[in-house]
Amino acid sequence: MKRLKPLLTFLAVVLTAPHALALDAPKGPVILTVRGTLATPNVDGTAQFDLAMLEKLAGRKVVTETPWTEGKTEFSGPLLRAILEAAGAKGKTLLVRAINDYFAEVPMEDATALQTILASRMNGKVMSVRDKGPLFLIYPFDLDPKLYNEKYFSRSVWQIKEIEVKS
């Protein structure tokens, strides 16, 4: 029994320690690439996601008005924090970059403290590039009306292709 005690202690530590889960490689077209300090990259040091991968992550539906849509619009998609957690991203600032290379600096707190999503669907339909897709950073205007201002509008990037995590 004395010989087994160190082995049992080792197994208890290994089995109860938090482990980063491997991020699967995308099987469909990549619509989002996350770069920077990542614990669980899946392709050449980056975390790449196809639509199916994003739709498996924790998300939410938002019904809100925005300056870019008419009336109340439903957006749905993964929580920004769920994407960053899946990638094992660590940093203080996110550079959220669009297809046309427009970008906004977004504090990490906007992902961790707010219910921000990367909307992949608008009114239930997958968002095309023509309709601000494939991904649109939507703040929880429905939960906190104080966010409905120019500061957060300027961070609400659409046609997102990449997020770079900066220290």
C-alpha atoms as a PDB file:
ATOM      1  CA  MET A   1       0.000   0.000   0.000  1.00  0.00           C
ATOM      2  CA  LYS A   2       2.914   2.353   0.701  1.00  0.00           C
ATOM      3  CA  ARG A   3       4.019   2.017  -2.935  1.00  0.00           C
ATOM      4  CA  LEU A   4       0.548   2.798  -4.199  1.00  0.00           C
ATOM      5  CA  LYS A   5       0.150   5.972  -2.151  1.00  0.00           C
ATOM      6  CA  PRO A   6       2.480   8.155  -4.320  1.00  0.00           C
ATOM      7  CA  LEU A   7       0.835   6.805  -7.488  1.00  0.00           C
ATOM      8  CA  LEU A   8      -2.663   7.491  -6.153  1.00  0.00           C
ATOM      9  CA  THR A   9      -1.633  11.021  -5.125  1.00  0.00           C
ATOM     10  CA  PHE A  10      -0.175  11.645  -8.596  1.00  0.00           C
ATOM     11  CA  LEU A  11      -3.328  10.356 -10.291  1.00  0.00           C
ATOM     12  CA  ALA A  12      -5.552  12.468  -8.046  1.00  0.00           C
ATOM     13  CA  VAL A  13      -3.607  15.611  -8.966  1.00  0.00           C
ATOM     14  CA  VAL A  14      -3.556  14.821 -12.690  1.00  0.00           C
ATOM     15  CA  LEU A  15      -7.210  13.873 -12.889  1.00  0.00           C
ATOM     16  CA  THR A  16      -8.495  16.884 -10.942  1.00  0.00           C
ATOM     17  CA  ALA A  17      -6.202  19.547 -12.433  1.00  0.00           C
ATOM     18  CA  PRO A  18      -7.831  21.859 -14.977  1.00  0.00           C
ATOM     19  CA  HIS A  19      -6.798  20.952 -18.512  1.00  0.00           C
ATOM     20  CA  ALA A  20      -7.180  22.959 -21.654  1.00  0.00           C
ATOM     21  CA  LEU A  21      -9.284  20.979 -24.077  1.00  0.00           C
ATOM     22  CA  ALA A  22      -7.868  20.643 -27.555  1.00  0.00           C
ATOM     23  CA  LEU A  23      -9.600  22.798 -30.105  1.00  0.00           C
ATOM     24  CA  ASP A  24     -10.683  20.773 -33.122  1.00  0.00           C
ATOM     25  CA  ALA A  25      -9.542  21.861 -36.557  1.00  0.00           C
ATOM     26  CA  PRO A  26     -12.280  23.447 -38.682  1.00  0.00           C
ATOM     27  CA  LYS A  27     -13.987  21.172 -41.190  1.00  0.00           C
ATOM     28  CA  GLY A  28     -15.794  23.907 -43.116  1.00  0.00           C
ATOM     29  CA  PRO A  29     -14.721  27.301 -44.403  1.00  0.00           C
ATOM     30  CA  VAL A  30     -12.868  29.327 -41.756  1.00  0.00           C
ATOM     31  CA  ILE A  31     -14.833  32.455 -40.849  1.00  0.00           C
ATOM     32  CA  LEU A  32     -12.827  33.550 -37.783  1.00  0.00           C
ATOM     33  CA  THR A  33      -9.143  33.409 -36.875  1.00  0.00           C
ATOM     34  CA  VAL A  34      -7.929  34.289 -33.377  1.00  0.00           C
ATOM     35  CA  ARG A  35      -4.235  35.225 -33.012  1.00  0.00           C
ATOM     36  CA  GLY A  36      -2.010  36.077 -30.066  1.00  0.00           C
ATOM     37  CA  THR A  37      -1.211  34.266 -26.832  1.00  0.00           C
ATOM     38  CA  LEU A  38      -3.350  31.137 -27.097  1.00  0.00           C
ATOM     39  CA  ALA A  39      -3.279  28.024 -24.913  1.00  0.00           C
ATOM     40  CA  THR A  40      -5.241  25.900 -27.406  1.00  0.00           C
ATOM     41  CA  PRO A  41      -4.399  26.840 -30.995  1.00  0.00           C
ATOM     42  CA  ASN A  42      -5.548  24.447 -33.700  1.00  0.00           C
ATOM     43  CA  VAL A  43      -3.853  25.636 -36.926  1.00  0.00           C
ATOM     44  CA  ASP A  44      -0.297  27.013 -37.092  1.00  0.00           C
ATOM     45  CA  GLY A  45      -0.435  28.778 -33.719  1.00  0.00           C
ATOM     46  CA  THR A  46      -3.860  30.325 -34.363  1.00  0.00           C
ATOM     47  CA  ALA A  47      -7.357  29.318 -33.367  1.00  0.00           C
ATOM     48  CA  GLN A  48      -9.483  28.978 -36.476  1.00  0.00           C
ATOM     49  CA  PHE A  49     -13.248  28.521 -36.384  1.00  0.00           C
ATOM     50  CA  ASP A  50     -15.829  27.511 -38.936  1.00  0.00           C
ATOM     51  CA  LEU A  51     -19.527  28.291 -38.443  1.00  0.00           C
ATOM     52  CA  ALA A  52     -20.321  24.875 -36.934  1.00  0.00           C
ATOM     53  CA  MET A  53     -17.582  25.280 -34.312  1.00  0.00           C
ATOM     54  CA  LEU A  54     -18.859  28.728 -33.348  1.00  0.00           C
ATOM     55  CA  GLU A  55     -22.438  27.506 -33.101  1.00  0.00           C
ATOM     56  CA  LYS A  56     -21.407  24.811 -30.581  1.00  0.00           C
ATOM     57  CA  LEU A  57     -20.133  27.455 -28.142  1.00  0.00           C
ATOM     58  CA  ALA A  58     -22.228  29.121 -25.445  1.00  0.00           C
ATOM     59  CA  GLY A  59     -24.156  31.985 -26.984  1.00  0.00           C
ATOM     60  CA  ARG A  60     -27.223  34.135 -26.736  1.00  0.00           C
ATOM     61  CA  LYS A  61     -29.950  35.852 -28.713  1.00  0.00           C
ATOM     62  CA  VAL A  62     -30.226  39.615 -28.581  1.00  0.00           C
ATOM     63  CA  VAL A  63     -33.302  41.532 -29.702  1.00  0.00           C
ATOM     64  CA  THR A  64     -32.302  45.163 -29.924  1.00  0.00           C
ATOM     65  CA  GLU A  65     -32.217  48.313 -31.951  1.00  0.00           C
ATOM     66  CA  THR A  66     -28.911  49.346 -33.484  1.00  0.00           C
ATOM     67  CA  PRO A  67     -27.837  52.387 -35.489  1.00  0.00           C
ATOM     68  CA  TRP A  68     -27.255  50.048 -38.463  1.00  0.00           C
ATOM     69  CA  THR A  69     -30.594  48.219 -38.657  1.00  0.00           C
ATOM     70  CA  GLU A  70     -34.263  49.204 -38.927  1.00  0.00           C
ATOM     71  CA  GLY A  71     -36.355  48.669 -35.781  1.00  0.00           C
ATOM     72  CA  LYS A  72     -35.766  45.797 -33.383  1.00  0.00           C
ATOM     73  CA  THR A  73     -33.552  43.094 -34.849  1.00  0.00           C
ATOM     74  CA  GLU A  74     -32.679  39.658 -33.513  1.00  0.00           C
ATOM     75  CA  PHE A  75     -28.986  38.735 -33.490  1.00  0.00           C
ATOM     76  CA  SER A  76     -27.610  35.415 -32.280  1.00  0.00           C
ATOM     77  CA  GLY A  77     -24.186  33.895 -31.987  1.00  0.00           C
ATOM     78  CA  PRO A  78     -21.513  32.775 -29.566  1.00  0.00           C
ATOM     79  CA  LEU A  79     -20.490  34.860 -26.605  1.00  0.00           C
ATOM     80  CA  LEU A  80     -17.184  36.580 -27.324  1.00  0.00           C
ATOM     81  CA  ARG A  81     -15.820  35.210 -24.041  1.00  0.00           C
ATOM     82  CA  ALA A  82     -16.717  31.636 -25.090  1.00  0.00           C
ATOM     83  CA  ILE A  83     -14.658  32.028 -28.273  1.00  0.00           C
ATOM     84  CA  LEU A  84     -11.699  33.422 -26.335  1.00  0.00           C
ATOM     85  CA  GLU A  85     -11.994  30.637 -23.735  1.00  0.00           C
ATOM     86  CA  ALA A  86     -12.067  27.977 -26.479  1.00  0.00           C
ATOM     87  CA  ALA A  87      -8.872  29.463 -27.906  1.00  0.00           C
ATOM     88  CA  GLY A  88      -7.278  29.800 -24.473  1.00  0.00           C
ATOM     89  CA  ALA A  89      -6.712  33.502 -25.199  1.00  0.00           C
ATOM     90  CA  LYS A  90      -4.906  35.641 -22.628  1.00  0.00           C
ATOM     91  CA  GLY A  91      -4.436  39.373 -22.954  1.00  0.00           C
ATOM     92  CA  LYS A  92      -5.759  42.839 -22.174  1.00  0.00           C
ATOM     93  CA  THR A  93      -6.872  44.150 -25.554  1.00  0.00           C
ATOM     94  CA  LEU A  94      -8.527  42.676 -28.614  1.00  0.00           C
ATOM     95  CA  LEU A  95      -7.951  44.039 -32.107  1.00  0.00           C
ATOM     96  CA  VAL A  96     -11.148  43.083 -33.893  1.00  0.00           C
ATOM     97  CA  ARG A  97     -10.480  43.224 -37.629  1.00  0.00           C
ATOM     98  CA  ALA A  98     -12.983  43.281 -40.498  1.00  0.00           C
ATOM     99  CA  ILE A  99     -12.651  41.887 -44.012  1.00  0.00           C
ATOM    100  CA  ASN A 100     -11.763  45.380 -45.300  1.00  0.00           C
ATOM    101  CA  ASP A 101      -9.029  45.686 -42.595  1.00  0.00           C
ATOM    102  CA  TYR A 102     -11.016  48.196 -40.527  1.00  0.00           C
ATOM    103  CA  PHE A 103     -10.342  47.391 -36.868  1.00  0.00           C
ATOM    104  CA  ALA A 104     -11.334  48.485 -33.394  1.00  0.00           C
ATOM    105  CA  GLU A 105      -9.502  48.070 -30.110  1.00  0.00           C
ATOM    106  CA  VAL A 106     -11.782  46.331 -27.648  1.00  0.00           C
ATOM    107  CA  PRO A 107     -10.821  45.937 -23.982  1.00  0.00           C
ATOM    108  CA  MET A 108     -10.816  42.319 -22.796  1.00  0.00           C
ATOM    109  CA  GLU A 109     -13.329  43.395 -20.118  1.00  0.00           C
ATOM    110  CA  ASP A 110     -15.909  43.898 -22.869  1.00  0.00           C
ATOM    111  CA  ALA A 111     -15.692  40.143 -23.464  1.00  0.00           C
ATOM    112  CA  THR A 112     -15.431  39.009 -19.864  1.00  0.00           C
ATOM    113  CA  ALA A 113     -17.765  41.429 -18.044  1.00  0.00           C
ATOM    114  CA  LEU A 114     -20.405  42.017 -20.742  1.00  0.00           C
ATOM    115  CA  GLN A 115     -22.654  39.631 -22.675  1.00  0.00           C
ATOM    116  CA  THR A 116     -21.070  40.602 -26.022  1.00  0.00           C
ATOM    117  CA  ILE A 117     -21.601  38.194 -28.894  1.00  0.00           C
ATOM    118  CA  LEU A 118     -20.180  37.647 -32.332  1.00  0.00           C
ATOM    119  CA  ALA A 119     -23.478  37.448 -34.141  1.00  0.00           C
ATOM    120  CA  SER A 120     -23.492  34.926 -36.976  1.00  0.00           C
ATOM    121  CA  ARG A 121     -27.258  35.142 -37.532  1.00  0.00           C
ATOM    122  CA  MET A 122     -29.628  38.049 -37.998  1.00  0.00           C
ATOM    123  CA  ASN A 123     -33.343  37.316 -37.629  1.00  0.00           C
ATOM    124  CA  GLY A 124     -32.489  33.606 -37.686  1.00  0.00           C
ATOM    125  CA  LYS A 125     -30.553  33.665 -40.970  1.00  0.00           C
ATOM    126  CA  VAL A 126     -26.802  33.193 -41.376  1.00  0.00           C
ATOM    127  CA  MET A 127     -25.311  36.622 -42.032  1.00  0.00           C
ATOM    128  CA  SER A 128     -23.750  37.167 -45.433  1.00  0.00           C
ATOM    129  CA  VAL A 129     -21.010  39.699 -46.116  1.00  0.00           C
ATOM    130  CA  ARG A 130     -23.691  41.879 -47.749  1.00  0.00           C
ATOM    131  CA  ASP A 131     -25.630  41.848 -44.433  1.00  0.00           C
ATOM    132  CA  LYS A 132     -22.642  42.700 -42.195  1.00  0.00           C
ATOM    133  CA  GLY A 133     -21.540  39.065 -41.845  1.00  0.00           C
ATOM    134  CA  PRO A 134     -20.063  36.636 -41.461  1.00  0.00           C
ATOM    135  CA  LEU A 135     -19.685  37.964 -37.888  1.00  0.00           C
ATOM    136  CA  PHE A 136     -20.827  41.176 -36.198  1.00  0.00           C
ATOM    137  CA  LEU A 137     -19.745  42.241 -32.685  1.00  0.00           C
ATOM    138  CA  ILE A 138     -22.983  43.031 -30.859  1.00  0.00           C
ATOM    139  CA  TYR A 139     -22.994  44.608 -27.425  1.00  0.00           C
ATOM    140  CA  PRO A 140     -25.811  43.789 -24.976  1.00  0.00           C
ATOM    141  CA  PHE A 141     -27.764  46.969 -25.676  1.00  0.00           C
ATOM    142  CA  ASP A 142     -30.864  44.987 -24.661  1.00  0.00           C
ATOM    143  CA  LEU A 143     -29.489  44.362 -21.157  1.00  0.00           C
ATOM    144  CA  ASP A 144     -27.853  47.723 -20.500  1.00  0.00           C
ATOM    145  CA  PRO A 145     -29.191  50.812 -22.308  1.00  0.00           C
ATOM    146  CA  LYS A 146     -26.160  52.817 -21.032  1.00  0.00           C
ATOM    147  CA  LEU A 147     -24.078  50.919 -23.634  1.00  0.00           C
ATOM    148  CA  TYR A 148     -26.105  52.498 -26.443  1.00  0.00           C
ATOM    149  CA  ASN A 149     -23.594  55.245 -27.229  1.00  0.00           C
ATOM    150  CA  GLU A 150     -20.799  56.174 -29.623  1.00  0.00           C
ATOM    151  CA  LYS A 151     -18.086  54.533 -27.494  1.00  0.00           C
ATOM    152  CA  TYR A 152     -19.606  51.078 -27.984  1.00  0.00           C
ATOM    153  CA  PHE A 153     -20.895  51.768 -31.492  1.00  0.00           C
ATOM    154  CA  SER A 154     -17.276  52.376 -32.587  1.00  0.00           C
ATOM    155  CA  ARG A 155     -16.288  48.952 -31.206  1.00  0.00           C
ATOM    156  CA  SER A 156     -19.181  47.171 -32.941  1.00  0.00           C
ATOM    157  CA  VAL A 157     -17.205  45.864 -35.890  1.00  0.00           C
ATOM    158  CA  TRP A 158     -19.044  43.965 -38.630  1.00  0.00           C
ATOM    159  CA  GLN A 159     -17.717  41.648 -41.360  1.00  0.00           C
ATOM    160  CA  ILE A 160     -15.257  40.346 -38.765  1.00  0.00           C
ATOM    161  CA  LYS A 161     -12.565  37.976 -39.993  1.00  0.00           C
ATOM    162  CA  GLU A 162      -9.955  38.080 -37.208  1.00  0.00           C
ATOM    163  CA  ILE A 163      -9.317  38.868 -33.564  1.00  0.00           C
ATOM    164  CA  GLU A 164      -5.798  39.550 -32.365  1.00  0.00           C
ATOM    165  CA  VAL A 165      -5.251  39.203 -28.621  1.00  0.00           C
ATOM    166  CA  LYS A 166      -2.723  41.749 -27.323  1.00  0.00           C
ATOM    167  CA  SER A 167      -1.014  41.868 -23.922  1.00  0.00           C
END
